[in-house]
Amino acid sequence: MTQQLPIGTGVILFAHGSRDPLWRLPIDAVAQSMRQRWPHLPVACAFLELTTPDLPTVVEQLMGQGLSQLRIVPMFLGVGRHAREDLPKLVDELQQAYPQMQFQLTPSVGEHPAMTTLMGDIAAGSA
């Protein structure tokens, strides 16, 4: 993170989910890495389907920690219907249910120029 998130902010890494329990390991690894790098930053994983916990459950857990802002980061490489339609609708519903909470929905990680560069580096064997 180049700039520090405001105090009272938590991060939710949001992914699709899978029936395969090993599928979630990379998302959990990102969360663990973030916790090690920024120990005071609350970080949690949430999933759209097939894997728990879901987004509303994680929002309630983080609200219970006294947070007032949640940054939701879609951990999608491609931007399909889930990222374009389902997730924004879910966040709108959460905003209506919890008007005291500020939600920031970021673009999917696959849209970030740094991710594009990193994937190219990995593919070229230079990462």
Protein backbone atom coordinates (compact mmCIF):
# COMPACT_ATOMS: atom_id res chain seq x y z
CA MET A 1 0.00 0.00 0.00
CA THR A 2 1.45 3.29 -1.01
CA GLN A 3 -0.88 5.26 1.23
CA GLN A 4 -2.19 4.27 4.60
CA LEU A 5 -5.90 3.52 4.88
CA PRO A 6 -7.77 5.64 7.44
CA ILE A 7 -8.08 4.31 10.98
CA GLY A 8 -11.31 2.37 11.34
CA THR A 9 -10.99 0.83 7.88
CA GLY A 10 -10.91 -2.86 7.14
CA VAL A 11 -10.20 -4.74 3.93
CA ILE A 12 -12.32 -7.56 2.54
CA LEU A 13 -10.76 -9.74 -0.14
CA PHE A 14 -13.78 -10.90 -2.14
CA ALA A 15 -13.55 -14.00 -4.32
CA HIS A 16 -15.93 -16.31 -6.15
CA GLY A 17 -15.63 -19.53 -4.16
CA SER A 18 -15.44 -23.20 -5.12
CA ARG A 19 -16.48 -26.64 -3.93
CA ASP A 20 -12.78 -27.53 -3.81
CA PRO A 21 -11.48 -26.57 -0.34
CA LEU A 22 -7.96 -26.02 -1.72
CA TRP A 23 -9.21 -23.35 -4.13
CA ARG A 24 -9.29 -20.69 -1.41
CA LEU A 25 -5.66 -21.12 -0.33
CA PRO A 26 -4.23 -18.35 -2.56
CA ILE A 27 -6.82 -15.84 -1.29
CA ASP A 28 -6.09 -16.84 2.30
CA ALA A 29 -2.37 -16.45 1.57
CA VAL A 30 -2.92 -12.87 0.37
CA ALA A 31 -4.84 -12.09 3.55
CA GLN A 32 -2.10 -13.62 5.72
CA SER A 33 0.58 -11.67 3.87
CA MET A 34 -1.35 -8.46 4.42
CA ARG A 35 -1.75 -9.20 8.14
CA GLN A 36 2.00 -9.71 8.45
CA ARG A 37 2.83 -6.52 6.57
CA TRP A 38 0.16 -4.36 8.23
CA PRO A 39 -0.64 -5.98 11.59
CA HIS A 40 -3.09 -3.25 12.62
CA LEU A 41 -5.13 -3.49 9.40
CA PRO A 42 -8.17 -5.77 9.75
CA VAL A 43 -8.26 -8.10 6.72
CA ALA A 44 -10.82 -10.80 5.98
CA CYS A 45 -11.85 -13.02 3.08
CA ALA A 46 -15.42 -13.33 1.80
CA PHE A 47 -16.88 -15.41 -1.00
CA LEU A 48 -19.78 -15.11 -3.41
CA GLU A 49 -20.81 -18.75 -3.37
CA LEU A 50 -19.76 -22.33 -2.56
CA THR A 51 -17.26 -21.18 0.11
CA THR A 52 -17.79 -19.52 3.46
CA PRO A 53 -17.94 -16.95 4.86
CA ASP A 54 -20.13 -14.83 2.61
CA LEU A 55 -19.85 -11.05 2.32
CA PRO A 56 -22.71 -10.10 4.69
CA THR A 57 -21.25 -12.35 7.40
CA VAL A 58 -17.80 -10.76 7.08
CA VAL A 59 -19.27 -7.25 7.08
CA GLU A 60 -21.06 -8.00 10.35
CA GLN A 61 -17.89 -9.48 11.87
CA LEU A 62 -15.83 -6.42 10.95
CA MET A 63 -18.53 -4.04 12.14
CA GLY A 64 -18.33 -5.88 15.47
CA GLN A 65 -14.69 -4.75 15.65
CA GLY A 66 -15.84 -1.13 15.60
CA LEU A 67 -14.85 -0.37 12.02
CA SER A 68 -16.61 2.38 10.11
CA GLN A 69 -15.21 1.83 6.60
CA LEU A 70 -14.76 -1.32 4.55
CA ARG A 71 -12.68 -1.55 1.39
CA ILE A 72 -13.94 -4.46 -0.73
CA VAL A 73 -11.35 -5.74 -3.19
CA PRO A 74 -12.64 -8.16 -5.86
CA MET A 75 -9.96 -10.81 -6.32
CA PHE A 76 -10.95 -11.47 -9.94
CA LEU A 77 -8.52 -11.46 -12.86
CA GLY A 78 -11.29 -11.16 -15.43
CA VAL A 79 -14.22 -8.80 -15.14
CA GLY A 80 -17.32 -10.86 -15.78
CA ARG A 81 -20.91 -10.63 -14.64
CA HIS A 82 -20.03 -11.24 -10.98
CA ALA A 83 -17.69 -8.23 -10.87
CA ARG A 84 -19.82 -5.99 -13.09
CA GLU A 85 -23.29 -6.78 -11.74
CA ASP A 86 -23.54 -9.17 -8.80
CA LEU A 87 -20.99 -7.60 -6.47
CA PRO A 88 -22.09 -3.95 -6.95
CA LYS A 89 -25.68 -5.02 -6.27
CA LEU A 90 -24.60 -6.87 -3.13
CA VAL A 91 -22.63 -3.84 -1.92
CA ASP A 92 -25.65 -1.57 -2.59
CA GLU A 93 -27.81 -3.91 -0.48
CA LEU A 94 -25.22 -3.83 2.31
CA GLN A 95 -25.08 -0.03 2.17
CA GLN A 96 -28.85 0.12 2.58
CA ALA A 97 -28.76 -2.39 5.46
CA TYR A 98 -25.85 -0.61 7.20
CA PRO A 99 -26.07 3.12 6.43
CA GLN A 100 -23.59 3.89 9.22
CA MET A 101 -20.88 1.95 7.34
CA GLN A 102 -18.91 3.39 4.41
CA PHE A 103 -18.20 0.88 1.66
CA GLN A 104 -15.53 1.33 -0.98
CA LEU A 105 -15.70 -1.14 -3.84
CA THR A 106 -12.42 -1.17 -5.75
CA PRO A 107 -11.93 -2.37 -9.33
CA SER A 108 -11.01 -6.04 -9.69
CA VAL A 109 -7.33 -6.80 -9.09
CA GLY A 110 -7.02 -8.00 -12.71
CA GLU A 111 -7.75 -4.46 -13.88
CA HIS A 112 -4.89 -2.90 -11.93
CA PRO A 113 -1.86 -1.96 -14.09
CA ALA A 114 0.54 -3.34 -11.45
CA MET A 115 -1.16 -6.75 -11.70
CA THR A 116 -0.91 -6.71 -15.48
CA THR A 117 2.81 -5.96 -15.22
CA LEU A 118 3.35 -8.62 -12.54
CA MET A 119 1.54 -11.28 -14.57
CA GLY A 120 3.70 -10.39 -17.57
CA ASP A 121 6.82 -10.65 -15.42
CA ILE A 122 5.74 -14.06 -14.15
CA ALA A 123 4.97 -15.28 -17.67
CA ALA A 124 8.37 -14.06 -18.91
CA GLY A 125 10.15 -15.74 -16.02
CA SER A 126 11.48 -12.48 -14.62
CA ALA A 127 9.48 -12.34 -11.38
